[in-house]
Amino acid sequence: MLKGNVGESSPVVCNDKIIVCTKTGVVSILDCDSGKLLWEYDTGEQIVGSPAIIKDHFMILTAKGTLFCFGKE
């Protein structure tokens, strides 16, 4: 179902959603109940760590050291 191997990254559950990162750089948000894909973004860089959530944002750090921040505004 995911576009790549999750590798070392652990999925994170927040507000009835699951955030999953793959080693190939794809970040996906799935609905907890249905498993339906709600959002997806390809960072273009390998991700080996788990997402961090702070208030209305979540952050992803890539293996190259790029920090992606997603959220409202």
PDB file of N, CA and C in Angstrom:
ATOM      1  N   MET A   1       0.817  -1.189   0.000  1.00  0.00           N
ATOM      2  CA  MET A   1       0.000   0.000   0.000  1.00  0.00           C
ATOM      3  C   MET A   1       0.863   1.257   0.000  1.00  0.00           C
ATOM      4  N   LEU A   2       2.011   1.230   0.692  1.00  0.00           N
ATOM      5  CA  LEU A   2       2.891   2.396   0.714  1.00  0.00           C
ATOM      6  C   LEU A   2       3.836   2.366  -0.471  1.00  0.00           C
ATOM      7  N   LYS A   3       4.321   3.529  -0.851  1.00  0.00           N
ATOM      8  CA  LYS A   3       5.241   3.638  -1.981  1.00  0.00           C
ATOM      9  C   LYS A   3       6.684   3.578  -1.494  1.00  0.00           C
ATOM     10  N   GLY A   4       7.071   2.454  -0.944  1.00  0.00           N
ATOM     11  CA  GLY A   4       8.432   2.281  -0.479  1.00  0.00           C
ATOM     12  C   GLY A   4       8.489   1.574   0.862  1.00  0.00           C
ATOM     13  N   ASN A   5       9.694   1.168   1.237  1.00  0.00           N
ATOM     14  CA  ASN A   5       9.958   0.485   2.494  1.00  0.00           C
ATOM     15  C   ASN A   5      10.015   1.501   3.632  1.00  0.00           C
ATOM     16  N   VAL A   6       9.344   1.236   4.741  1.00  0.00           N
ATOM     17  CA  VAL A   6       9.344   2.145   5.879  1.00  0.00           C
ATOM     18  C   VAL A   6      10.719   2.201   6.527  1.00  0.00           C
ATOM     19  N   GLY A   7      11.461   1.116   6.531  1.00  0.00           N
ATOM     20  CA  GLY A   7      12.808   1.123   7.100  1.00  0.00           C
ATOM     21  C   GLY A   7      12.814   1.405   8.587  1.00  0.00           C
ATOM     22  N   GLU A   8      13.622   2.363   9.037  1.00  0.00           N
ATOM     23  CA  GLU A   8      13.784   2.669  10.457  1.00  0.00           C
ATOM     24  C   GLU A   8      12.728   3.627  10.996  1.00  0.00           C
ATOM     25  N   SER A   9      11.953   4.245  10.137  1.00  0.00           N
ATOM     26  CA  SER A   9      10.953   5.223  10.551  1.00  0.00           C
ATOM     27  C   SER A   9       9.723   4.536  11.135  1.00  0.00           C
ATOM     28  N   SER A  10       9.309   4.972  12.316  1.00  0.00           N
ATOM     29  CA  SER A  10       8.092   4.438  12.925  1.00  0.00           C
ATOM     30  C   SER A  10       6.903   5.321  12.562  1.00  0.00           C
ATOM     31  N   PRO A  11       5.762   4.716  12.246  1.00  0.00           N
ATOM     32  CA  PRO A  11       4.563   5.516  11.999  1.00  0.00           C
ATOM     33  C   PRO A  11       4.154   6.258  13.273  1.00  0.00           C
ATOM     34  N   VAL A  12       3.513   7.409  13.110  1.00  0.00           N
ATOM     35  CA  VAL A  12       3.058   8.204  14.245  1.00  0.00           C
ATOM     36  C   VAL A  12       1.549   8.405  14.106  1.00  0.00           C
ATOM     37  N   VAL A  13       0.806   8.179  15.209  1.00  0.00           N
ATOM     38  CA  VAL A  13      -0.641   8.374  15.223  1.00  0.00           C
ATOM     39  C   VAL A  13      -0.959   9.679  15.926  1.00  0.00           C
ATOM     40  N   CYS A  14      -1.793  10.509  15.287  1.00  0.00           N
ATOM     41  CA  CYS A  14      -2.183  11.799  15.852  1.00  0.00           C
ATOM     42  C   CYS A  14      -3.536  12.205  15.286  1.00  0.00           C
ATOM     43  N   ASN A  15      -4.489  12.532  16.159  1.00  0.00           N
ATOM     44  CA  ASN A  15      -5.816  13.013  15.729  1.00  0.00           C
ATOM     45  C   ASN A  15      -6.470  12.104  14.691  1.00  0.00           C
ATOM     46  N   ASP A  16      -6.533  10.816  14.963  1.00  0.00           N
ATOM     47  CA  ASP A  16      -7.171   9.833  14.087  1.00  0.00           C
ATOM     48  C   ASP A  16      -6.520   9.706  12.718  1.00  0.00           C
ATOM     49  N   LYS A  17      -5.240  10.090  12.624  1.00  0.00           N
ATOM     50  CA  LYS A  17      -4.492   9.963  11.387  1.00  0.00           C
ATOM     51  C   LYS A  17      -3.154   9.289  11.685  1.00  0.00           C
ATOM     52  N   ILE A  18      -2.603   8.639  10.681  1.00  0.00           N
ATOM     53  CA  ILE A  18      -1.306   7.990  10.799  1.00  0.00           C
ATOM     54  C   ILE A  18      -0.354   8.659   9.808  1.00  0.00           C
ATOM     55  N   ILE A  19       0.789   9.106  10.290  1.00  0.00           N
ATOM     56  CA  ILE A  19       1.815   9.681   9.422  1.00  0.00           C
ATOM     57  C   ILE A  19       2.899   8.619   9.249  1.00  0.00           C
ATOM     58  N   VAL A  20       3.195   8.295   7.993  1.00  0.00           N
ATOM     59  CA  VAL A  20       4.174   7.259   7.688  1.00  0.00           C
ATOM     60  C   VAL A  20       5.196   7.821   6.703  1.00  0.00           C
ATOM     61  N   CYS A  21       6.475   7.532   6.936  1.00  0.00           N
ATOM     62  CA  CYS A  21       7.548   7.952   6.036  1.00  0.00           C
ATOM     63  C   CYS A  21       8.243   6.714   5.485  1.00  0.00           C
ATOM     64  N   THR A  22       8.630   6.768   4.219  1.00  0.00           N
ATOM     65  CA  THR A  22       9.345   5.643   3.618  1.00  0.00           C
ATOM     66  C   THR A  22      10.812   6.004   3.401  1.00  0.00           C
ATOM     67  N   LYS A  23      11.622   4.980   3.253  1.00  0.00           N
ATOM     68  CA  LYS A  23      13.047   5.197   2.984  1.00  0.00           C
ATOM     69  C   LYS A  23      13.260   5.904   1.645  1.00  0.00           C
ATOM     70  N   THR A  24      12.293   5.787   0.744  1.00  0.00           N
ATOM     71  CA  THR A  24      12.412   6.427  -0.572  1.00  0.00           C
ATOM     72  C   THR A  24      12.012   7.897  -0.536  1.00  0.00           C
ATOM     73  N   GLY A  25      11.548   8.392   0.624  1.00  0.00           N
ATOM     74  CA  GLY A  25      11.258   9.817   0.769  1.00  0.00           C
ATOM     75  C   GLY A  25       9.810  10.220   0.677  1.00  0.00           C
ATOM     76  N   VAL A  26       8.907   9.262   0.659  1.00  0.00           N
ATOM     77  CA  VAL A  26       7.482   9.577   0.557  1.00  0.00           C
ATOM     78  C   VAL A  26       6.872   9.684   1.951  1.00  0.00           C
ATOM     79  N   VAL A  27       6.158  10.802   2.187  1.00  0.00           N
ATOM     80  CA  VAL A  27       5.441  11.022   3.443  1.00  0.00           C
ATOM     81  C   VAL A  27       3.957  10.839   3.139  1.00  0.00           C
ATOM     82  N   SER A  28       3.284   9.980   3.893  1.00  0.00           N
ATOM     83  CA  SER A  28       1.861   9.715   3.666  1.00  0.00           C
ATOM     84  C   SER A  28       1.078   9.925   4.948  1.00  0.00           C
ATOM     85  N   ILE A  29      -0.142  10.437   4.803  1.00  0.00           N
ATOM     86  CA  ILE A  29      -1.078  10.529   5.928  1.00  0.00           C
ATOM     87  C   ILE A  29      -2.270   9.660   5.585  1.00  0.00           C
ATOM     88  N   LEU A  30      -2.577   8.734   6.500  1.00  0.00           N
ATOM     89  CA  LEU A  30      -3.677   7.793   6.308  1.00  0.00           C
ATOM     90  C   LEU A  30      -4.724   7.991   7.395  1.00  0.00           C
ATOM     91  N   ASP A  31      -5.973   7.707   7.069  1.00  0.00           N
ATOM     92  CA  ASP A  31      -7.053   7.719   8.053  1.00  0.00           C
ATOM     93  C   ASP A  31      -6.929   6.469   8.921  1.00  0.00           C
ATOM     94  N   CYS A  32      -6.988   6.642  10.245  1.00  0.00           N
ATOM     95  CA  CYS A  32      -6.828   5.499  11.171  1.00  0.00           C
ATOM     96  C   CYS A  32      -7.909   4.444  10.983  1.00  0.00           C
ATOM     97  N   ASP A  33      -9.137   4.864  10.784  1.00  0.00           N
ATOM     98  CA  ASP A  33     -10.247   3.907  10.706  1.00  0.00           C
ATOM     99  C   ASP A  33     -10.288   3.144   9.388  1.00  0.00           C
ATOM    100  N   SER A  34     -10.170   3.857   8.280  1.00  0.00           N
ATOM    101  CA  SER A  34     -10.337   3.227   6.974  1.00  0.00           C
ATOM    102  C   SER A  34      -9.022   2.832   6.304  1.00  0.00           C
ATOM    103  N   GLY A  35      -7.912   3.467   6.717  1.00  0.00           N
ATOM    104  CA  GLY A  35      -6.636   3.235   6.051  1.00  0.00           C
ATOM    105  C   GLY A  35      -6.515   3.996   4.743  1.00  0.00           C
ATOM    106  N   LYS A  36      -7.509   4.812   4.435  1.00  0.00           N
ATOM    107  CA  LYS A  36      -7.535   5.580   3.188  1.00  0.00           C
ATOM    108  C   LYS A  36      -6.424   6.632   3.173  1.00  0.00           C
ATOM    109  N   LEU A  37      -5.767   6.758   2.026  1.00  0.00           N
ATOM    110  CA  LEU A  37      -4.727   7.763   1.845  1.00  0.00           C
ATOM    111  C   LEU A  37      -5.375   9.149   1.790  1.00  0.00           C
ATOM    112  N   LEU A  38      -4.967  10.044   2.702  1.00  0.00           N
ATOM    113  CA  LEU A  38      -5.520  11.391   2.763  1.00  0.00           C
ATOM    114  C   LEU A  38      -4.603  12.436   2.126  1.00  0.00           C
ATOM    115  N   TRP A  39      -3.289  12.177   2.167  1.00  0.00           N
ATOM    116  CA  TRP A  39      -2.311  13.158   1.687  1.00  0.00           C
ATOM    117  C   TRP A  39      -1.000  12.449   1.458  1.00  0.00           C
ATOM    118  N   GLU A  40      -0.229  12.943   0.492  1.00  0.00           N
ATOM    119  CA  GLU A  40       1.066  12.340   0.213  1.00  0.00           C
ATOM    120  C   GLU A  40       2.016  13.394  -0.354  1.00  0.00           C
ATOM    121  N   TYR A  41       3.294  13.278   0.002  1.00  0.00           N
ATOM    122  CA  TYR A  41       4.314  14.214  -0.481  1.00  0.00           C
ATOM    123  C   TYR A  41       5.616  13.464  -0.661  1.00  0.00           C
ATOM    124  N   ASP A  42       6.270  13.674  -1.786  1.00  0.00           N
ATOM    125  CA  ASP A  42       7.560  13.047  -2.063  1.00  0.00           C
ATOM    126  C   ASP A  42       8.659  14.067  -1.803  1.00  0.00           C
ATOM    127  N   THR A  43       9.478  13.831  -0.794  1.00  0.00           N
ATOM    128  CA  THR A  43      10.542  14.763  -0.435  1.00  0.00           C
ATOM    129  C   THR A  43      11.718  14.684  -1.403  1.00  0.00           C
ATOM    130  N   GLY A  44      11.837  13.573  -2.103  1.00  0.00           N
ATOM    131  CA  GLY A  44      12.951  13.381  -3.007  1.00  0.00           C
ATOM    132  C   GLY A  44      14.244  12.994  -2.299  1.00  0.00           C
ATOM    133  N   GLU A  45      14.179  12.784  -0.988  1.00  0.00           N
ATOM    134  CA  GLU A  45      15.350  12.412  -0.203  1.00  0.00           C
ATOM    135  C   GLU A  45      14.995  11.259   0.730  1.00  0.00           C
ATOM    136  N   GLN A  46      15.975  10.453   1.073  1.00  0.00           N
ATOM    137  CA  GLN A  46      15.750   9.307   1.959  1.00  0.00           C
ATOM    138  C   GLN A  46      15.356   9.772   3.356  1.00  0.00           C
ATOM    139  N   ILE A  47      14.372   9.094   3.940  1.00  0.00           N
ATOM    140  CA  ILE A  47      13.936   9.387   5.307  1.00  0.00           C
ATOM    141  C   ILE A  47      14.193   8.147   6.156  1.00  0.00           C
ATOM    142  N   VAL A  48      14.933   8.314   7.241  1.00  0.00           N
ATOM    143  CA  VAL A  48      15.220   7.177   8.119  1.00  0.00           C
ATOM    144  C   VAL A  48      14.673   7.392   9.529  1.00  0.00           C
ATOM    145  N   GLY A  49      14.234   8.606   9.860  1.00  0.00           N
ATOM    146  CA  GLY A  49      13.707   8.898  11.185  1.00  0.00           C
ATOM    147  C   GLY A  49      12.189   8.999  11.180  1.00  0.00           C
ATOM    148  N   SER A  50      11.635   9.041  12.366  1.00  0.00           N
ATOM    149  CA  SER A  50      10.189   9.161  12.524  1.00  0.00           C
ATOM    150  C   SER A  50       9.767  10.626  12.531  1.00  0.00           C
ATOM    151  N   PRO A  51       8.521  10.910  12.132  1.00  0.00           N
ATOM    152  CA  PRO A  51       8.033  12.285  12.168  1.00  0.00           C
ATOM    153  C   PRO A  51       7.932  12.798  13.605  1.00  0.00           C
ATOM    154  N   ALA A  52       8.079  14.105  13.770  1.00  0.00           N
ATOM    155  CA  ALA A  52       7.870  14.760  15.068  1.00  0.00           C
ATOM    156  C   ALA A  52       6.658  15.669  14.926  1.00  0.00           C
ATOM    157  N   ILE A  53       5.793  15.675  15.941  1.00  0.00           N
ATOM    158  CA  ILE A  53       4.580  16.490  15.898  1.00  0.00           C
ATOM    159  C   ILE A  53       4.641  17.546  16.984  1.00  0.00           C
ATOM    160  N   ILE A  54       4.387  18.793  16.595  1.00  0.00           N
ATOM    161  CA  ILE A  54       4.320  19.915  17.533  1.00  0.00           C
ATOM    162  C   ILE A  54       3.113  20.753  17.154  1.00  0.00           C
ATOM    163  N   LYS A  55       2.130  20.797  18.039  1.00  0.00           N
ATOM    164  CA  LYS A  55       0.873  21.521  17.817  1.00  0.00           C
ATOM    165  C   LYS A  55       0.252  21.121  16.485  1.00  0.00           C
ATOM    166  N   ASP A  56       0.069  22.074  15.566  1.00  0.00           N
ATOM    167  CA  ASP A  56      -0.592  21.798  14.290  1.00  0.00           C
ATOM    168  C   ASP A  56       0.389  21.488  13.162  1.00  0.00           C
ATOM    169  N   HIS A  57       1.622  21.151  13.504  1.00  0.00           N
ATOM    170  CA  HIS A  57       2.646  20.897  12.500  1.00  0.00           C
ATOM    171  C   HIS A  57       3.334  19.555  12.743  1.00  0.00           C
ATOM    172  N   PHE A  58       3.876  19.004  11.676  1.00  0.00           N
ATOM    173  CA  PHE A  58       4.759  17.853  11.852  1.00  0.00           C
ATOM    174  C   PHE A  58       5.998  18.061  11.010  1.00  0.00           C
ATOM    175  N   MET A  59       7.098  17.526  11.493  1.00  0.00           N
ATOM    176  CA  MET A  59       8.388  17.723  10.852  1.00  0.00           C
ATOM    177  C   MET A  59       9.029  16.393  10.498  1.00  0.00           C
ATOM    178  N   ILE A  60       9.754  16.422   9.384  1.00  0.00           N
ATOM    179  CA  ILE A  60      10.462  15.257   8.883  1.00  0.00           C
ATOM    180  C   ILE A  60      11.898  15.690   8.620  1.00  0.00           C
ATOM    181  N   LEU A  61      12.854  14.919   9.112  1.00  0.00           N
ATOM    182  CA  LEU A  61      14.264  15.176   8.846  1.00  0.00           C
ATOM    183  C   LEU A  61      14.767  14.093   7.899  1.00  0.00           C
ATOM    184  N   THR A  62      15.360  14.505   6.787  1.00  0.00           N
ATOM    185  CA  THR A  62      15.866  13.532   5.819  1.00  0.00           C
ATOM    186  C   THR A  62      17.292  13.120   6.165  1.00  0.00           C
ATOM    187  N   ALA A  63      17.758  12.078   5.506  1.00  0.00           N
ATOM    188  CA  ALA A  63      19.123  11.589   5.726  1.00  0.00           C
ATOM    189  C   ALA A  63      20.160  12.628   5.302  1.00  0.00           C
ATOM    190  N   LYS A  64      19.805  13.524   4.373  1.00  0.00           N
ATOM    191  CA  LYS A  64      20.719  14.588   3.923  1.00  0.00           C
ATOM    192  C   LYS A  64      20.726  15.785   4.882  1.00  0.00           C
ATOM    193  N   GLY A  65      19.807  15.794   5.846  1.00  0.00           N
ATOM    194  CA  GLY A  65      19.747  16.883   6.807  1.00  0.00           C
ATOM    195  C   GLY A  65      18.731  17.956   6.474  1.00  0.00           C
ATOM    196  N   THR A  66      17.893  17.730   5.477  1.00  0.00           N
ATOM    197  CA  THR A  66      16.840  18.692   5.138  1.00  0.00           C
ATOM    198  C   THR A  66      15.678  18.517   6.108  1.00  0.00           C
ATOM    199  N   LEU A  67      15.195  19.607   6.677  1.00  0.00           N
ATOM    200  CA  LEU A  67      14.067  19.568   7.595  1.00  0.00           C
ATOM    201  C   LEU A  67      12.834  20.075   6.867  1.00  0.00           C
ATOM    202  N   PHE A  68      11.829  19.218   6.760  1.00  0.00           N
ATOM    203  CA  PHE A  68      10.547  19.579   6.161  1.00  0.00           C
ATOM    204  C   PHE A  68       9.559  19.834   7.282  1.00  0.00           C
ATOM    205  N   CYS A  69       8.805  20.919   7.184  1.00  0.00           N
ATOM    206  CA  CYS A  69       7.774  21.244   8.164  1.00  0.00           C
ATOM    207  C   CYS A  69       6.446  21.398   7.434  1.00  0.00           C
ATOM    208  N   PHE A  70       5.453  20.638   7.868  1.00  0.00           N
ATOM    209  CA  PHE A  70       4.135  20.657   7.249  1.00  0.00           C
ATOM    210  C   PHE A  70       3.099  21.033   8.295  1.00  0.00           C
ATOM    211  N   GLY A  71       2.062  21.749   7.874  1.00  0.00           N
ATOM    212  CA  GLY A  71       0.975  22.081   8.781  1.00  0.00           C
ATOM    213  C   GLY A  71       0.184  23.268   8.288  1.00  0.00           C
ATOM    214  N   LYS A  72      -0.668  23.731   9.147  1.00  0.00           N
ATOM    215  CA  LYS A  72      -1.486  24.902   8.831  1.00  0.00           C
ATOM    216  C   LYS A  72      -0.613  26.142   8.840  1.00  0.00           C
ATOM    217  N   GLU A  73      -0.678  26.894   7.772  1.00  0.00           N
ATOM    218  CA  GLU A  73       0.049  28.151   7.611  1.00  0.00           C
ATOM    219  C   GLU A  73       1.525  27.978   7.805  1.00  0.00           C
TER     220      GLU A  73
END
